[in-house]
Amino acid sequence: MKYLLTILFLLPCFVFSQKADESYAIYSQYLKRYQTKKGVKVRLVIKESLDYSSKYDEASLLSVVKDIKDYSDGKQSALLSFGLLPDGYAETLKKDTLWIPLIAELDKKLSDNSNIKNEFAPELETVVIGKREYNKYHNTEINKSYKSIQQGWDTFHHKYGKAALIGLSEIVSDGKRAVFYFTSNYGGLGGEGGLVLFYKENSKWRFLMYLRIWQA
């Protein structure tokens, strides 16, 4: 009985794979918010595989974990890493320390390429492109000039119109909390990336916050 109680106590802390239908419901909910934030219904072109090694920032997500821990220990300056957070959100991270192992687990999974399918909400009108097509527009060679980068975007927009290029990682969840890495690029050097946090309330997933990690 003693061992059974221990397992039941620790069970909520275990990280497990998110069901596909739940994952795409979470993705879709956030992508709708993203479109609303943009003020226009931009078309969403989503990368089939998120290559985290080519992100703008070279810092590990473990630095985010460290900042959350530092804030929990009373270091207010740790929040500067995330820009301005809405009132109360910082306190949520401070009080609920179970976000920390989830983000740490996500950091491990980001070394594996995600495999995104076009199973988003139909009203989003999403398009999923593979690495071969992506490289036609956005080859990530370091020595590429600004001019060639812009030419790639011109070709991209010629095919897809006013669209944003979206990257999504696998969702890591413990059943009550869910987190994934999100990137968006929309031309030239414009783009950003960060963590999207959801929580489950009354059996429904609800958006909690977006922690921006980099912006170009």
Protein backbone atom coordinates (compact mmCIF):
# COMPACT_ATOMS: atom_id res chain seq x y z
CA MET A 1 0.00 0.00 0.00
CA LYS A 2 2.88 2.34 0.86
CA TYR A 3 4.42 1.88 -2.60
CA LEU A 4 1.03 2.29 -4.30
CA LEU A 5 0.44 5.61 -2.58
CA THR A 6 3.91 6.77 -3.62
CA ILE A 7 3.19 5.92 -7.28
CA LEU A 8 -0.18 7.70 -7.17
CA PHE A 9 1.49 10.77 -5.67
CA LEU A 10 4.17 10.90 -8.36
CA LEU A 11 1.91 10.02 -11.29
CA PRO A 12 0.87 13.63 -12.09
CA CYS A 13 4.56 14.53 -12.47
CA PHE A 14 5.20 11.98 -15.21
CA VAL A 15 5.51 13.36 -18.73
CA PHE A 16 3.73 11.44 -21.45
CA SER A 17 3.11 11.71 -25.16
CA GLN A 18 0.16 13.85 -26.10
CA LYS A 19 -2.63 12.21 -28.09
CA ALA A 20 -2.56 13.37 -31.71
CA ASP A 21 -6.11 14.75 -31.69
CA GLU A 22 -5.46 16.71 -28.49
CA SER A 23 -2.18 18.02 -29.86
CA TYR A 24 -3.77 19.39 -33.00
CA ALA A 25 -6.64 20.87 -31.00
CA ILE A 26 -4.05 22.76 -28.91
CA TYR A 27 -2.08 23.81 -31.99
CA SER A 28 -5.25 25.00 -33.73
CA GLN A 29 -6.43 26.98 -30.73
CA TYR A 30 -3.13 28.82 -30.53
CA LEU A 31 -2.88 29.41 -34.29
CA LYS A 32 -6.31 31.06 -34.19
CA ARG A 33 -5.03 33.36 -31.45
CA TYR A 34 -1.96 34.08 -33.56
CA GLN A 35 -4.10 35.12 -36.53
CA THR A 36 -6.26 37.32 -34.30
CA LYS A 37 -3.14 38.97 -32.89
CA LYS A 38 -1.99 39.77 -36.43
CA GLY A 39 -5.29 41.53 -37.05
CA VAL A 40 -5.76 39.81 -40.41
CA LYS A 41 -6.34 36.21 -41.39
CA VAL A 42 -2.90 35.52 -42.80
CA ARG A 43 -2.44 32.17 -44.46
CA LEU A 44 -0.46 29.72 -42.34
CA VAL A 45 2.28 27.73 -44.04
CA ILE A 46 3.61 25.23 -41.52
CA LYS A 47 6.93 23.43 -41.66
CA GLU A 48 6.61 19.66 -41.55
CA SER A 49 9.79 19.47 -39.50
CA LEU A 50 11.06 22.05 -37.02
CA ASP A 51 14.84 22.26 -37.24
CA TYR A 52 15.64 23.74 -33.85
CA SER A 53 19.35 23.85 -34.65
CA SER A 54 18.69 26.72 -37.06
CA LYS A 55 16.83 28.89 -34.55
CA TYR A 56 17.89 32.51 -34.14
CA ASP A 57 18.94 32.14 -30.53
CA GLU A 58 21.58 29.58 -29.66
CA ALA A 59 20.64 29.35 -26.00
CA SER A 60 19.19 26.11 -24.69
CA LEU A 61 15.69 26.13 -23.28
CA LEU A 62 17.38 25.17 -20.03
CA SER A 63 18.21 28.88 -19.74
CA VAL A 64 14.46 29.48 -19.59
CA VAL A 65 14.20 26.89 -16.83
CA LYS A 66 16.97 28.69 -14.96
CA ASP A 67 15.19 32.04 -15.31
CA ILE A 68 11.96 30.57 -13.94
CA LYS A 69 13.83 29.04 -11.02
CA ASP A 70 15.63 32.34 -10.37
CA TYR A 71 12.32 34.19 -10.37
CA SER A 72 10.87 31.62 -7.98
CA ASP A 73 13.82 32.37 -5.70
CA GLY A 74 12.93 36.05 -5.69
CA LYS A 75 15.13 37.41 -8.51
CA GLN A 76 12.77 39.82 -10.27
CA SER A 77 15.33 40.58 -13.00
CA ALA A 78 14.94 37.03 -14.34
CA LEU A 79 11.68 38.09 -16.01
CA LEU A 80 13.52 40.45 -18.35
CA SER A 81 14.43 37.44 -20.46
CA PHE A 82 10.79 37.07 -21.47
CA GLY A 83 9.91 40.71 -22.14
CA LEU A 84 6.71 41.97 -20.56
CA LEU A 85 4.32 39.35 -19.20
CA PRO A 86 0.63 40.09 -18.48
CA ASP A 87 -0.20 40.68 -14.83
CA GLY A 88 -0.36 37.49 -12.82
CA TYR A 89 1.40 35.25 -15.32
CA ALA A 90 4.80 35.62 -13.70
CA GLU A 91 3.27 34.64 -10.37
CA THR A 92 1.74 31.57 -12.03
CA LEU A 93 5.21 30.38 -13.05
CA LYS A 94 6.51 31.11 -9.59
CA LYS A 95 3.77 29.18 -7.79
CA ASP A 96 3.48 26.24 -10.17
CA THR A 97 6.99 24.81 -10.36
CA LEU A 98 5.82 21.76 -12.34
CA TRP A 99 6.30 23.81 -15.51
CA ILE A 100 10.04 23.48 -14.97
CA PRO A 101 10.38 19.71 -15.65
CA LEU A 102 8.06 20.01 -18.66
CA ILE A 103 10.21 22.70 -20.28
CA ALA A 104 13.35 20.71 -19.46
CA GLU A 105 11.82 17.66 -21.16
CA LEU A 106 10.88 19.76 -24.19
CA ASP A 107 14.48 20.91 -24.42
CA LYS A 108 15.55 17.28 -24.83
CA LYS A 109 12.94 16.56 -27.49
CA LEU A 110 13.86 19.58 -29.60
CA SER A 111 16.95 17.74 -30.83
CA ASP A 112 14.56 15.44 -32.73
CA ASN A 113 12.80 16.81 -35.78
CA SER A 114 9.05 17.09 -35.39
CA ASN A 115 6.72 15.46 -37.92
CA ILE A 116 3.77 17.78 -38.39
CA LYS A 117 0.75 16.69 -40.40
CA ASN A 118 -2.02 18.86 -41.78
CA GLU A 119 -4.58 17.89 -39.15
CA PHE A 120 -5.38 21.39 -37.93
CA ALA A 121 -8.85 22.94 -37.71
CA PRO A 122 -10.17 23.21 -41.32
CA GLU A 123 -11.09 26.89 -40.93
CA LEU A 124 -7.41 27.75 -40.51
CA GLU A 125 -6.73 26.75 -44.15
CA THR A 126 -3.23 25.55 -43.31
CA VAL A 127 -0.60 24.26 -45.71
CA VAL A 128 2.21 21.94 -44.56
CA ILE A 129 5.47 21.94 -46.51
CA GLY A 130 8.39 19.52 -46.34
CA LYS A 131 12.07 20.33 -45.99
CA ARG A 132 12.74 20.14 -49.73
CA GLU A 133 10.17 22.82 -50.53
CA TYR A 134 11.22 24.89 -47.53
CA ASN A 135 14.80 24.97 -48.79
CA LYS A 136 13.63 26.45 -52.09
CA TYR A 137 12.68 29.60 -50.20
CA HIS A 138 14.78 29.59 -47.05
CA ASN A 139 18.09 27.82 -47.34
CA THR A 140 19.76 28.52 -43.99
CA GLU A 141 23.38 28.85 -45.15
CA ILE A 142 25.18 31.37 -42.94
CA ASN A 143 26.79 33.24 -45.85
CA LYS A 144 23.55 34.05 -47.63
CA SER A 145 23.12 37.74 -48.34
CA TYR A 146 20.12 39.83 -47.36
CA LYS A 147 19.27 40.13 -51.06
CA SER A 148 19.09 36.36 -51.55
CA ILE A 149 17.04 36.01 -48.36
CA GLN A 150 14.56 38.56 -49.67
CA GLN A 151 14.41 36.80 -53.05
CA GLY A 152 13.48 33.61 -51.23
CA TRP A 153 10.65 35.38 -49.44
CA ASP A 154 9.46 36.93 -52.71
CA THR A 155 9.21 33.45 -54.22
CA PHE A 156 7.42 32.19 -51.11
CA HIS A 157 4.85 35.01 -51.14
CA HIS A 158 4.35 34.67 -54.89
CA LYS A 159 3.11 31.12 -54.28
CA TYR A 160 1.29 31.55 -50.96
CA GLY A 161 0.31 35.22 -50.92
CA LYS A 162 0.23 37.01 -47.59
CA ALA A 163 1.35 34.17 -45.38
CA ALA A 164 3.38 33.41 -42.27
CA LEU A 165 5.84 30.54 -42.06
CA ILE A 166 5.18 28.61 -38.84
CA GLY A 167 7.30 26.08 -36.94
CA LEU A 168 5.82 23.80 -34.25
CA SER A 169 7.57 21.38 -31.94
CA GLU A 170 6.11 18.28 -30.37
CA ILE A 171 3.85 19.05 -27.41
CA VAL A 172 5.09 17.88 -24.01
CA SER A 173 2.40 17.36 -21.39
CA ASP A 174 1.78 15.89 -17.97
CA GLY A 175 -1.99 15.74 -18.47
CA LYS A 176 -2.64 19.07 -16.76
CA ARG A 177 -0.03 21.26 -18.43
CA ALA A 178 1.21 21.33 -22.02
CA VAL A 179 4.07 23.23 -23.61
CA PHE A 180 5.53 23.49 -27.11
CA TYR A 181 8.02 25.59 -29.03
CA PHE A 182 6.58 27.97 -31.66
CA THR A 183 8.25 30.04 -34.37
CA SER A 184 6.82 32.46 -36.91
CA ASN A 185 8.54 34.20 -39.80
CA TYR A 186 6.83 36.62 -42.12
CA GLY A 187 9.44 38.08 -44.46
CA GLY A 188 12.97 39.41 -44.53
CA LEU A 189 14.40 39.33 -41.03
CA GLY A 190 11.03 39.49 -39.29
CA GLY A 191 10.20 36.66 -36.95
CA GLU A 192 10.10 35.36 -33.42
CA GLY A 193 10.09 32.21 -31.36
CA GLY A 194 9.11 31.14 -27.90
CA LEU A 195 7.22 28.78 -25.64
CA VAL A 196 3.44 28.36 -25.66
CA LEU A 197 1.88 27.15 -22.41
CA PHE A 198 -1.58 25.58 -22.05
CA TYR A 199 -3.36 24.18 -19.01
CA LYS A 200 -6.36 21.87 -18.66
CA GLU A 201 -9.45 23.12 -16.86
CA ASN A 202 -12.75 21.24 -16.71
CA SER A 203 -11.42 18.74 -19.26
CA LYS A 204 -10.63 21.51 -21.76
CA TRP A 205 -7.25 22.86 -22.82
CA ARG A 206 -6.92 26.61 -22.34
CA PHE A 207 -4.17 28.99 -23.39
CA LEU A 208 -2.07 30.28 -20.50
CA MET A 209 0.79 32.35 -21.92
CA TYR A 210 3.42 32.83 -24.58
CA LEU A 211 7.04 33.28 -23.44
CA ARG A 212 8.97 34.97 -26.22
CA ILE A 213 12.61 33.82 -26.34
CA TRP A 214 13.88 35.61 -29.45
CA GLN A 215 12.71 38.21 -31.92
CA ALA A 216 14.29 39.41 -35.19
